[in-house]
Amino acid sequence: MWGLPMSKKGITGHDEWVLTEALATALVALEQLAPKHQPQAHMEDIRKLLSNGKEPATVSLHLAQAKCRLFPDQDPLDIYKEYGIGDEYG
């Protein structure tokens, strides 16, 4: 046991974080499509996957961060407020 590398959890060692960020980014991007082009069933599945086992505030934070990345010209504080996040995270 001594001297052997510790086994990582999953593939990257932070799989859950990578998947959460990817799902949040995908959902925010899909929300930008015209309503008739939004794949509502898939978007609902993404919401379920994203929120599985997470607090709603955590999900909101991931979505706000994703939108900040996708729209760097928008005011981050406005984006955080849009997702119900107050000054405690600013």
C-alpha atoms as a PDB file:
ATOM      1  CA  MET A   1       0.000   0.000   0.000  1.00  0.00           C
ATOM      2  CA  TRP A   2       2.740   2.491   0.884  1.00  0.00           C
ATOM      3  CA  GLY A   3       4.128   4.296  -2.133  1.00  0.00           C
ATOM      4  CA  LEU A   4       1.215   3.398  -4.385  1.00  0.00           C
ATOM      5  CA  PRO A   5      -0.764   6.277  -5.883  1.00  0.00           C
ATOM      6  CA  MET A   6      -4.159   6.880  -4.336  1.00  0.00           C
ATOM      7  CA  SER A   7      -6.983   5.754  -6.564  1.00  0.00           C
ATOM      8  CA  LYS A   8      -9.052   8.596  -7.924  1.00  0.00           C
ATOM      9  CA  LYS A   9     -12.775   8.666  -7.740  1.00  0.00           C
ATOM     10  CA  GLY A  10     -14.190   8.357 -11.236  1.00  0.00           C
ATOM     11  CA  ILE A  11     -12.164   9.100 -14.334  1.00  0.00           C
ATOM     12  CA  THR A  12     -10.800  12.567 -13.622  1.00  0.00           C
ATOM     13  CA  GLY A  13     -10.969  12.722  -9.855  1.00  0.00           C
ATOM     14  CA  HIS A  14     -13.601  15.434 -10.120  1.00  0.00           C
ATOM     15  CA  ASP A  15     -16.132  13.898 -12.506  1.00  0.00           C
ATOM     16  CA  GLU A  16     -19.171  15.220 -10.659  1.00  0.00           C
ATOM     17  CA  TRP A  17     -17.902  18.810 -10.869  1.00  0.00           C
ATOM     18  CA  VAL A  18     -17.132  18.500 -14.603  1.00  0.00           C
ATOM     19  CA  LEU A  19     -20.552  17.008 -15.334  1.00  0.00           C
ATOM     20  CA  THR A  20     -22.359  19.630 -13.247  1.00  0.00           C
ATOM     21  CA  GLU A  21     -20.576  22.463 -15.058  1.00  0.00           C
ATOM     22  CA  ALA A  22     -21.283  20.884 -18.447  1.00  0.00           C
ATOM     23  CA  LEU A  23     -24.965  20.336 -17.676  1.00  0.00           C
ATOM     24  CA  ALA A  24     -25.401  23.887 -16.367  1.00  0.00           C
ATOM     25  CA  THR A  25     -23.696  25.350 -19.426  1.00  0.00           C
ATOM     26  CA  ALA A  26     -25.757  23.210 -21.792  1.00  0.00           C
ATOM     27  CA  LEU A  27     -29.019  24.167 -20.104  1.00  0.00           C
ATOM     28  CA  VAL A  28     -28.262  27.900 -20.150  1.00  0.00           C
ATOM     29  CA  ALA A  29     -27.243  27.664 -23.818  1.00  0.00           C
ATOM     30  CA  LEU A  30     -30.431  25.796 -24.763  1.00  0.00           C
ATOM     31  CA  GLU A  31     -32.519  28.384 -22.927  1.00  0.00           C
ATOM     32  CA  GLN A  32     -31.181  30.991 -25.352  1.00  0.00           C
ATOM     33  CA  LEU A  33     -32.777  29.283 -28.334  1.00  0.00           C
ATOM     34  CA  ALA A  34     -36.103  30.485 -29.636  1.00  0.00           C
ATOM     35  CA  PRO A  35     -38.849  28.657 -27.711  1.00  0.00           C
ATOM     36  CA  LYS A  36     -39.921  26.641 -30.765  1.00  0.00           C
ATOM     37  CA  HIS A  37     -36.352  25.296 -31.088  1.00  0.00           C
ATOM     38  CA  GLN A  38     -35.845  24.403 -27.440  1.00  0.00           C
ATOM     39  CA  PRO A  39     -35.851  20.637 -26.810  1.00  0.00           C
ATOM     40  CA  GLN A  40     -38.104  20.873 -23.741  1.00  0.00           C
ATOM     41  CA  ALA A  41     -38.032  17.157 -22.879  1.00  0.00           C
ATOM     42  CA  HIS A  42     -34.240  17.066 -22.985  1.00  0.00           C
ATOM     43  CA  MET A  43     -34.004  20.313 -21.052  1.00  0.00           C
ATOM     44  CA  GLU A  44     -36.203  18.873 -18.322  1.00  0.00           C
ATOM     45  CA  ASP A  45     -33.959  15.800 -18.185  1.00  0.00           C
ATOM     46  CA  ILE A  46     -30.910  18.053 -17.886  1.00  0.00           C
ATOM     47  CA  ARG A  47     -32.601  19.918 -15.013  1.00  0.00           C
ATOM     48  CA  LYS A  48     -33.256  16.598 -13.246  1.00  0.00           C
ATOM     49  CA  LEU A  49     -29.674  15.440 -13.717  1.00  0.00           C
ATOM     50  CA  LEU A  50     -28.328  18.792 -12.606  1.00  0.00           C
ATOM     51  CA  SER A  51     -30.411  18.959  -9.451  1.00  0.00           C
ATOM     52  CA  ASN A  52     -30.017  15.321  -8.401  1.00  0.00           C
ATOM     53  CA  GLY A  53     -28.656  15.338  -4.868  1.00  0.00           C
ATOM     54  CA  LYS A  54     -27.862  19.055  -4.848  1.00  0.00           C
ATOM     55  CA  GLU A  55     -29.353  21.940  -2.925  1.00  0.00           C
ATOM     56  CA  PRO A  56     -31.413  24.339  -5.088  1.00  0.00           C
ATOM     57  CA  ALA A  57     -29.070  27.202  -4.176  1.00  0.00           C
ATOM     58  CA  THR A  58     -26.115  25.192  -5.481  1.00  0.00           C
ATOM     59  CA  VAL A  59     -27.888  24.554  -8.778  1.00  0.00           C
ATOM     60  CA  SER A  60     -28.726  28.258  -9.095  1.00  0.00           C
ATOM     61  CA  LEU A  61     -25.102  29.139  -8.474  1.00  0.00           C
ATOM     62  CA  HIS A  62     -23.892  26.751 -11.200  1.00  0.00           C
ATOM     63  CA  LEU A  63     -26.458  28.142 -13.656  1.00  0.00           C
ATOM     64  CA  ALA A  64     -25.481  31.736 -12.884  1.00  0.00           C
ATOM     65  CA  GLN A  65     -21.791  30.922 -13.302  1.00  0.00           C
ATOM     66  CA  ALA A  66     -22.518  29.219 -16.618  1.00  0.00           C
ATOM     67  CA  LYS A  67     -24.438  32.238 -17.868  1.00  0.00           C
ATOM     68  CA  CYS A  68     -21.586  34.533 -16.792  1.00  0.00           C
ATOM     69  CA  ARG A  69     -19.197  32.400 -18.858  1.00  0.00           C
ATOM     70  CA  LEU A  70     -21.491  32.356 -21.885  1.00  0.00           C
ATOM     71  CA  PHE A  71     -22.233  36.084 -21.695  1.00  0.00           C
ATOM     72  CA  PRO A  72     -19.086  37.790 -20.392  1.00  0.00           C
ATOM     73  CA  ASP A  73     -20.343  41.224 -21.520  1.00  0.00           C
ATOM     74  CA  GLN A  74     -23.353  41.090 -19.187  1.00  0.00           C
ATOM     75  CA  ASP A  75     -23.140  42.361 -15.617  1.00  0.00           C
ATOM     76  CA  PRO A  76     -22.473  39.329 -13.391  1.00  0.00           C
ATOM     77  CA  LEU A  77     -24.455  40.829 -10.505  1.00  0.00           C
ATOM     78  CA  ASP A  78     -27.514  41.122 -12.743  1.00  0.00           C
ATOM     79  CA  ILE A  79     -27.094  37.501 -13.786  1.00  0.00           C
ATOM     80  CA  TYR A  80     -26.774  36.352 -10.171  1.00  0.00           C
ATOM     81  CA  LYS A  81     -29.926  38.288  -9.258  1.00  0.00           C
ATOM     82  CA  GLU A  82     -31.726  36.657 -12.208  1.00  0.00           C
ATOM     83  CA  TYR A  83     -31.013  33.284 -10.582  1.00  0.00           C
ATOM     84  CA  GLY A  84     -32.115  34.468  -7.144  1.00  0.00           C
ATOM     85  CA  ILE A  85     -28.630  34.877  -5.745  1.00  0.00           C
ATOM     86  CA  GLY A  86     -28.067  37.936  -3.579  1.00  0.00           C
ATOM     87  CA  ASP A  87     -25.050  39.972  -2.604  1.00  0.00           C
ATOM     88  CA  GLU A  88     -23.750  37.227  -0.296  1.00  0.00           C
ATOM     89  CA  TYR A  89     -22.135  35.606  -3.359  1.00  0.00           C
ATOM     90  CA  GLY A  90     -20.989  38.804  -5.072  1.00  0.00           C
END
